């Protein structure tokens, strides 16, 4: 009976040690989970910030593209005005040369 009692006491001590080890592993896993959750939160925040920056960049690009297109249209209009003015000046010069010959 004493031997059985000693054997049971030893098994109980071993079970308690295993339980304590399992609790330490659980606590370590919980601590790691807290760290991972914080990393995920930071990554989500960083992704949101990146998305906002990207959105602002796209808006700025759209504004720049609109301004560039407007400047190109204005340049084309100015070229056409210059071409018309050149034709008009040449026409006037031709008429003046014709009057000078009379």
N, C-alpha and C. Protein backbone atom coordinates (compact mmCIF):
# COMPACT_ATOMS: atom_id res chain seq x y z
N UNK A 1 0.84 -1.18 0.00
CA UNK A 1 0.00 0.00 0.00
C UNK A 1 0.89 1.25 0.00
N UNK A 2 1.96 1.23 0.75
CA UNK A 2 2.87 2.37 0.81
C UNK A 2 3.50 2.59 -0.56
N UNK A 3 3.87 1.48 -1.17
CA UNK A 3 4.48 1.58 -2.49
C UNK A 3 3.48 2.17 -3.49
N UNK A 4 2.22 1.75 -3.44
CA UNK A 4 1.18 2.29 -4.32
C UNK A 4 0.97 3.78 -4.04
N UNK A 5 0.99 4.15 -2.77
CA UNK A 5 0.80 5.55 -2.39
C UNK A 5 1.96 6.39 -2.92
N UNK A 6 3.19 5.88 -2.79
CA UNK A 6 4.36 6.60 -3.31
C UNK A 6 4.28 6.73 -4.83
N UNK A 7 3.85 5.67 -5.49
CA UNK A 7 3.72 5.70 -6.95
C UNK A 7 2.67 6.72 -7.37
N UNK A 8 1.54 6.75 -6.68
CA UNK A 8 0.49 7.72 -6.98
C UNK A 8 0.96 9.15 -6.70
N UNK A 9 1.69 9.34 -5.60
CA UNK A 9 2.21 10.67 -5.27
C UNK A 9 3.17 11.13 -6.36
N UNK A 10 4.02 10.22 -6.84
CA UNK A 10 4.95 10.56 -7.92
C UNK A 10 4.19 10.91 -9.20
N UNK A 11 3.18 10.14 -9.55
CA UNK A 11 2.38 10.43 -10.75
C UNK A 11 1.64 11.76 -10.61
N UNK A 12 1.17 12.06 -9.40
CA UNK A 12 0.48 13.35 -9.18
C UNK A 12 1.47 14.49 -9.36
N UNK A 13 2.70 14.36 -8.80
CA UNK A 13 3.72 15.39 -8.97
C UNK A 13 4.06 15.56 -10.45
N UNK A 14 4.16 14.47 -11.17
CA UNK A 14 4.46 14.52 -12.60
C UNK A 14 3.33 15.19 -13.37
N UNK A 15 2.09 14.87 -13.02
CA UNK A 15 0.93 15.51 -13.67
C UNK A 15 0.91 17.00 -13.39
N UNK A 16 1.22 17.38 -12.13
CA UNK A 16 1.26 18.79 -11.78
C UNK A 16 2.35 19.51 -12.56
N UNK A 17 3.50 18.87 -12.71
CA UNK A 17 4.61 19.47 -13.48
C UNK A 17 4.20 19.64 -14.94
N UNK A 18 3.55 18.61 -15.50
CA UNK A 18 3.09 18.69 -16.88
C UNK A 18 2.03 19.78 -17.03
N UNK A 19 1.15 19.91 -16.04
CA UNK A 19 0.13 20.95 -16.05
C UNK A 19 0.77 22.34 -16.02
N UNK A 20 1.77 22.51 -15.17
CA UNK A 20 2.47 23.80 -15.10
C UNK A 20 3.17 24.11 -16.43
N UNK A 21 3.78 23.08 -17.04
CA UNK A 21 4.43 23.27 -18.34
C UNK A 21 3.39 23.68 -19.39
N UNK A 22 2.23 23.03 -19.39
CA UNK A 22 1.16 23.35 -20.34
C UNK A 22 0.67 24.79 -20.11
N UNK A 23 0.58 25.21 -18.84
CA UNK A 23 0.15 26.58 -18.53
C UNK A 23 1.19 27.59 -19.04
N UNK A 24 2.50 27.28 -18.86
CA UNK A 24 3.55 28.18 -19.36
C UNK A 24 3.49 28.29 -20.89
N UNK A 25 3.28 27.15 -21.54
CA UNK A 25 3.16 27.16 -23.00
C UNK A 25 1.94 27.96 -23.45
N UNK A 26 0.82 27.78 -22.72
CA UNK A 26 -0.38 28.54 -23.02
C UNK A 26 -0.14 30.03 -22.86
N UNK A 27 0.50 30.42 -21.77
CA UNK A 27 0.78 31.83 -21.51
C UNK A 27 1.72 32.41 -22.57
N UNK A 28 2.72 31.61 -22.98
CA UNK A 28 3.63 32.06 -24.03
C UNK A 28 2.88 32.23 -25.35
N UNK A 29 1.98 31.30 -25.65
CA UNK A 29 1.18 31.39 -26.88
C UNK A 29 0.28 32.62 -26.83
N UNK A 30 -0.30 32.89 -25.66
CA UNK A 30 -1.14 34.09 -25.51
C UNK A 30 -0.32 35.37 -25.73
N UNK A 31 0.87 35.40 -25.15
CA UNK A 31 1.73 36.58 -25.32
C UNK A 31 2.11 36.75 -26.78
N UNK A 32 2.42 35.65 -27.45
CA UNK A 32 2.76 35.72 -28.87
C UNK A 32 1.55 36.18 -29.68
N UNK A 33 0.37 35.72 -29.30
CA UNK A 33 -0.85 36.13 -29.99
C UNK A 33 -1.08 37.63 -29.83
N UNK A 34 -0.81 38.17 -28.66
CA UNK A 34 -0.96 39.61 -28.44
C UNK A 34 -0.01 40.37 -29.36
N UNK A 35 1.23 39.88 -29.48
CA UNK A 35 2.22 40.53 -30.35
C UNK A 35 1.77 40.45 -31.81
N UNK A 36 1.30 39.29 -32.22
CA UNK A 36 0.86 39.11 -33.60
C UNK A 36 -0.36 39.99 -33.88
N UNK A 37 -1.30 40.07 -32.93
CA UNK A 37 -2.47 40.93 -33.12
C UNK A 37 -2.05 42.39 -33.28
N UNK A 38 -1.06 42.83 -32.52
CA UNK A 38 -0.57 44.21 -32.63
C UNK A 38 0.11 44.42 -33.99
N UNK A 39 0.88 43.42 -34.43
CA UNK A 39 1.52 43.53 -35.74
C UNK A 39 0.47 43.62 -36.85
N UNK A 40 -0.58 42.83 -36.73
CA UNK A 40 -1.65 42.86 -37.73
C UNK A 40 -2.33 44.22 -37.71
N UNK A 41 -2.59 44.75 -36.53
CA UNK A 41 -3.22 46.07 -36.42
C UNK A 41 -2.35 47.14 -37.08
N UNK A 42 -1.04 47.06 -36.83
CA UNK A 42 -0.13 48.04 -37.43
C UNK A 42 -0.09 47.88 -38.95
N UNK A 43 -0.11 46.65 -39.43
CA UNK A 43 -0.11 46.42 -40.88
C UNK A 43 -1.40 46.95 -41.51
N UNK A 44 -2.53 46.75 -40.84
CA UNK A 44 -3.80 47.27 -41.36
C UNK A 44 -3.76 48.79 -41.40
N UNK A 45 -3.23 49.40 -40.34
CA UNK A 45 -3.11 50.86 -40.32
C UNK A 45 -2.19 51.35 -41.44
N UNK A 46 -1.08 50.64 -41.64
CA UNK A 46 -0.15 51.03 -42.69
C UNK A 46 -0.80 50.88 -44.07
N UNK A 47 -1.57 49.81 -44.25
CA UNK A 47 -2.25 49.61 -45.53
C UNK A 47 -3.29 50.71 -45.77
N UNK A 48 -3.99 51.11 -44.72
CA UNK A 48 -4.98 52.19 -44.85
C UNK A 48 -4.28 53.50 -45.21
N UNK A 49 -3.15 53.77 -44.56
CA UNK A 49 -2.40 54.99 -44.86
C UNK A 49 -1.89 54.95 -46.30
N UNK A 50 -1.39 53.80 -46.72
CA UNK A 50 -0.90 53.65 -48.09
C UNK A 50 -2.03 53.84 -49.09
N UNK A 51 -3.20 53.31 -48.76
CA UNK A 51 -4.35 53.47 -49.65
C UNK A 51 -4.75 54.95 -49.75
N UNK A 52 -4.70 55.66 -48.64
CA UNK A 52 -5.03 57.08 -48.65
C UNK A 52 -4.01 57.86 -49.48
N UNK A 53 -2.73 57.54 -49.31
CA UNK A 53 -1.68 58.21 -50.09
C UNK A 53 -1.86 57.91 -51.57
N UNK A 54 -2.17 56.67 -51.88
CA UNK A 54 -2.39 56.28 -53.27
C UNK A 54 -3.58 57.03 -53.86
N UNK A 55 -4.64 57.13 -53.08
CA UNK A 55 -5.83 57.84 -53.54
C UNK A 55 -5.51 59.32 -53.80
N UNK A 56 -4.77 59.93 -52.90
CA UNK A 56 -4.39 61.33 -53.09
C UNK A 56 -3.49 61.49 -54.31
N UNK A 57 -2.60 60.52 -54.51
CA UNK A 57 -1.74 60.54 -55.68
C UNK A 57 -2.54 60.43 -56.98
N UNK A 58 -3.53 59.56 -56.97
CA UNK A 58 -4.37 59.40 -58.16
C UNK A 58 -5.16 60.69 -58.44
N UNK A 59 -5.65 61.32 -57.38
CA UNK A 59 -6.37 62.60 -57.56
C UNK A 59 -5.43 63.65 -58.13
N UNK A 60 -4.22 63.72 -57.58
CA UNK A 60 -3.24 64.70 -58.07
C UNK A 60 -2.88 64.41 -59.53
N UNK A 61 -2.76 63.14 -59.87
CA UNK A 61 -2.46 62.76 -61.25
C UNK A 61 -3.60 63.17 -62.18
N UNK A 62 -4.83 62.98 -61.72
CA UNK A 62 -5.98 63.37 -62.54
C UNK A 62 -5.99 64.88 -62.77
N UNK A 63 -5.70 65.64 -61.72
CA UNK A 63 -5.65 67.10 -61.85
C UNK A 63 -4.53 67.49 -62.81
N UNK A 64 -3.37 66.88 -62.65
CA UNK A 64 -2.23 67.18 -63.52
C UNK A 64 -2.56 66.83 -64.97
N UNK A 65 -3.18 65.69 -65.19
CA UNK A 65 -3.55 65.28 -66.54
C UNK A 65 -4.54 66.27 -67.15
N UNK A 66 -5.50 66.70 -66.36
CA UNK A 66 -6.48 67.69 -66.85
C UNK A 66 -5.78 68.99 -67.21
N UNK A 67 -4.88 69.44 -66.35
CA UNK A 67 -4.14 70.68 -66.62
C UNK A 67 -3.26 70.53 -67.86
N UNK A 68 -2.61 69.37 -68.00
CA UNK A 68 -1.76 69.12 -69.17
C UNK A 68 -2.60 69.13 -70.44
N UNK A 69 -3.76 68.47 -70.40
CA UNK A 69 -4.62 68.43 -71.58
C UNK A 69 -5.13 69.83 -71.93
N UNK A 70 -5.45 70.61 -70.90
CA UNK A 70 -5.91 71.98 -71.14
C UNK A 70 -4.78 72.81 -71.75
N UNK A 71 -3.56 72.62 -71.25
CA UNK A 71 -2.41 73.36 -71.78
C UNK A 71 -2.14 72.95 -73.23
N UNK A 72 -2.27 71.65 -73.54
CA UNK A 72 -2.07 71.20 -74.91
C UNK A 72 -3.13 71.79 -75.83
N UNK A 73 -4.38 71.82 -75.36
CA UNK A 73 -5.45 72.40 -76.17
C UNK A 73 -5.20 73.88 -76.40
N UNK A 74 -4.73 74.57 -75.36
CA UNK A 74 -4.42 76.00 -75.48
C UNK A 74 -3.26 76.20 -76.45
N UNK A 75 -2.27 75.32 -76.39
CA UNK A 75 -1.13 75.39 -77.32
C UNK A 75 -1.60 75.17 -78.76
N UNK A 76 -2.44 74.19 -78.97
CA UNK A 76 -2.96 73.92 -80.31
C UNK A 76 -3.76 75.12 -80.84
N UNK A 77 -4.56 75.73 -79.95
CA UNK A 77 -5.34 76.90 -80.34
C UNK A 77 -4.40 78.05 -80.70
N UNK A 78 -3.35 78.23 -79.91
CA UNK A 78 -2.38 79.30 -80.19
C UNK A 78 -1.67 79.05 -81.51
N UNK A 79 -1.31 77.79 -81.80
CA UNK A 79 -0.67 77.46 -83.07
C UNK A 79 -1.60 77.78 -84.24
N UNK A 80 -2.86 77.44 -84.07
CA UNK A 80 -3.84 77.72 -85.12
C UNK A 80 -4.01 79.23 -85.31
N UNK A 81 -4.05 79.97 -84.19
CA UNK A 81 -4.15 81.43 -84.27
C UNK A 81 -2.92 82.02 -84.98
N UNK A 82 -1.74 81.50 -84.67
CA UNK A 82 -0.51 81.97 -85.31
C UNK A 82 -0.56 81.66 -86.80
N UNK A 83 -0.99 80.46 -87.16
CA UNK A 83 -1.10 80.08 -88.57
C UNK A 83 -2.07 81.00 -89.31
N UNK A 84 -3.21 81.28 -88.68
CA UNK A 84 -4.20 82.19 -89.30
C UNK A 84 -3.62 83.60 -89.43
N UNK A 85 -2.95 84.05 -88.37
CA UNK A 85 -2.35 85.38 -88.40
C UNK A 85 -1.28 85.46 -89.49
N UNK A 86 -0.48 84.43 -89.62
CA UNK A 86 0.55 84.38 -90.66
C UNK A 86 -0.10 84.46 -92.04
N UNK A 87 -1.16 83.68 -92.25
CA UNK A 87 -1.88 83.75 -93.53
C UNK A 87 -2.42 85.15 -93.78
N UNK A 88 -2.95 85.75 -92.75
CA UNK A 88 -3.52 87.10 -92.91
C UNK A 88 -2.43 88.11 -93.25
N UNK A 89 -1.28 88.01 -92.54
CA UNK A 89 -0.16 88.91 -92.81
C UNK A 89 0.35 88.71 -94.24
N UNK A 90 0.47 87.45 -94.65
CA UNK A 90 0.91 87.18 -96.02
C UNK A 90 -0.08 87.73 -97.04
N UNK A 91 -1.36 87.59 -96.74
CA UNK A 91 -2.40 88.12 -97.63
C UNK A 91 -2.32 89.64 -97.73
N UNK A 92 -2.15 90.29 -96.59
CA UNK A 92 -2.02 91.76 -96.57
C UNK A 92 -0.75 92.18 -97.32
N UNK A 93 0.35 91.45 -97.09
CA UNK A 93 1.60 91.77 -97.78
C UNK A 93 1.43 91.59 -99.28
N UNK A 94 0.73 90.56 -99.70
CA UNK A 94 0.48 90.32 -101.11
C UNK A 94 -0.35 91.47 -101.70
N UNK A 95 -1.37 91.91 -100.91
CA UNK A 95 -2.20 93.01 -101.39
C UNK A 95 -1.39 94.29 -101.46
N UNK A 96 -0.53 94.51 -100.46
CA UNK A 96 0.31 95.71 -100.47
C UNK A 96 1.28 95.70 -101.63
N UNK A 97 1.85 94.54 -101.92
CA UNK A 97 2.76 94.43 -103.07
C UNK A 97 1.99 94.69 -104.37
N UNK A 98 0.75 94.25 -104.43
CA UNK A 98 -0.07 94.49 -105.61
C UNK A 98 -0.38 95.96 -105.79
N UNK A 99 -0.63 96.66 -104.68
CA UNK A 99 -0.91 98.10 -104.75
C UNK A 99 0.35 98.85 -105.12
N UNK A 100 1.50 98.42 -104.65
CA UNK A 100 2.77 99.07 -104.96
C UNK A 100 3.13 98.95 -106.42
N UNK A 101 2.68 97.91 -107.06
CA UNK A 101 2.99 97.69 -108.48
C UNK A 101 2.13 98.57 -109.37
N UNK A 102 1.02 99.08 -108.89
CA UNK A 102 0.14 99.88 -109.72
C UNK A 102 0.71 101.21 -109.93
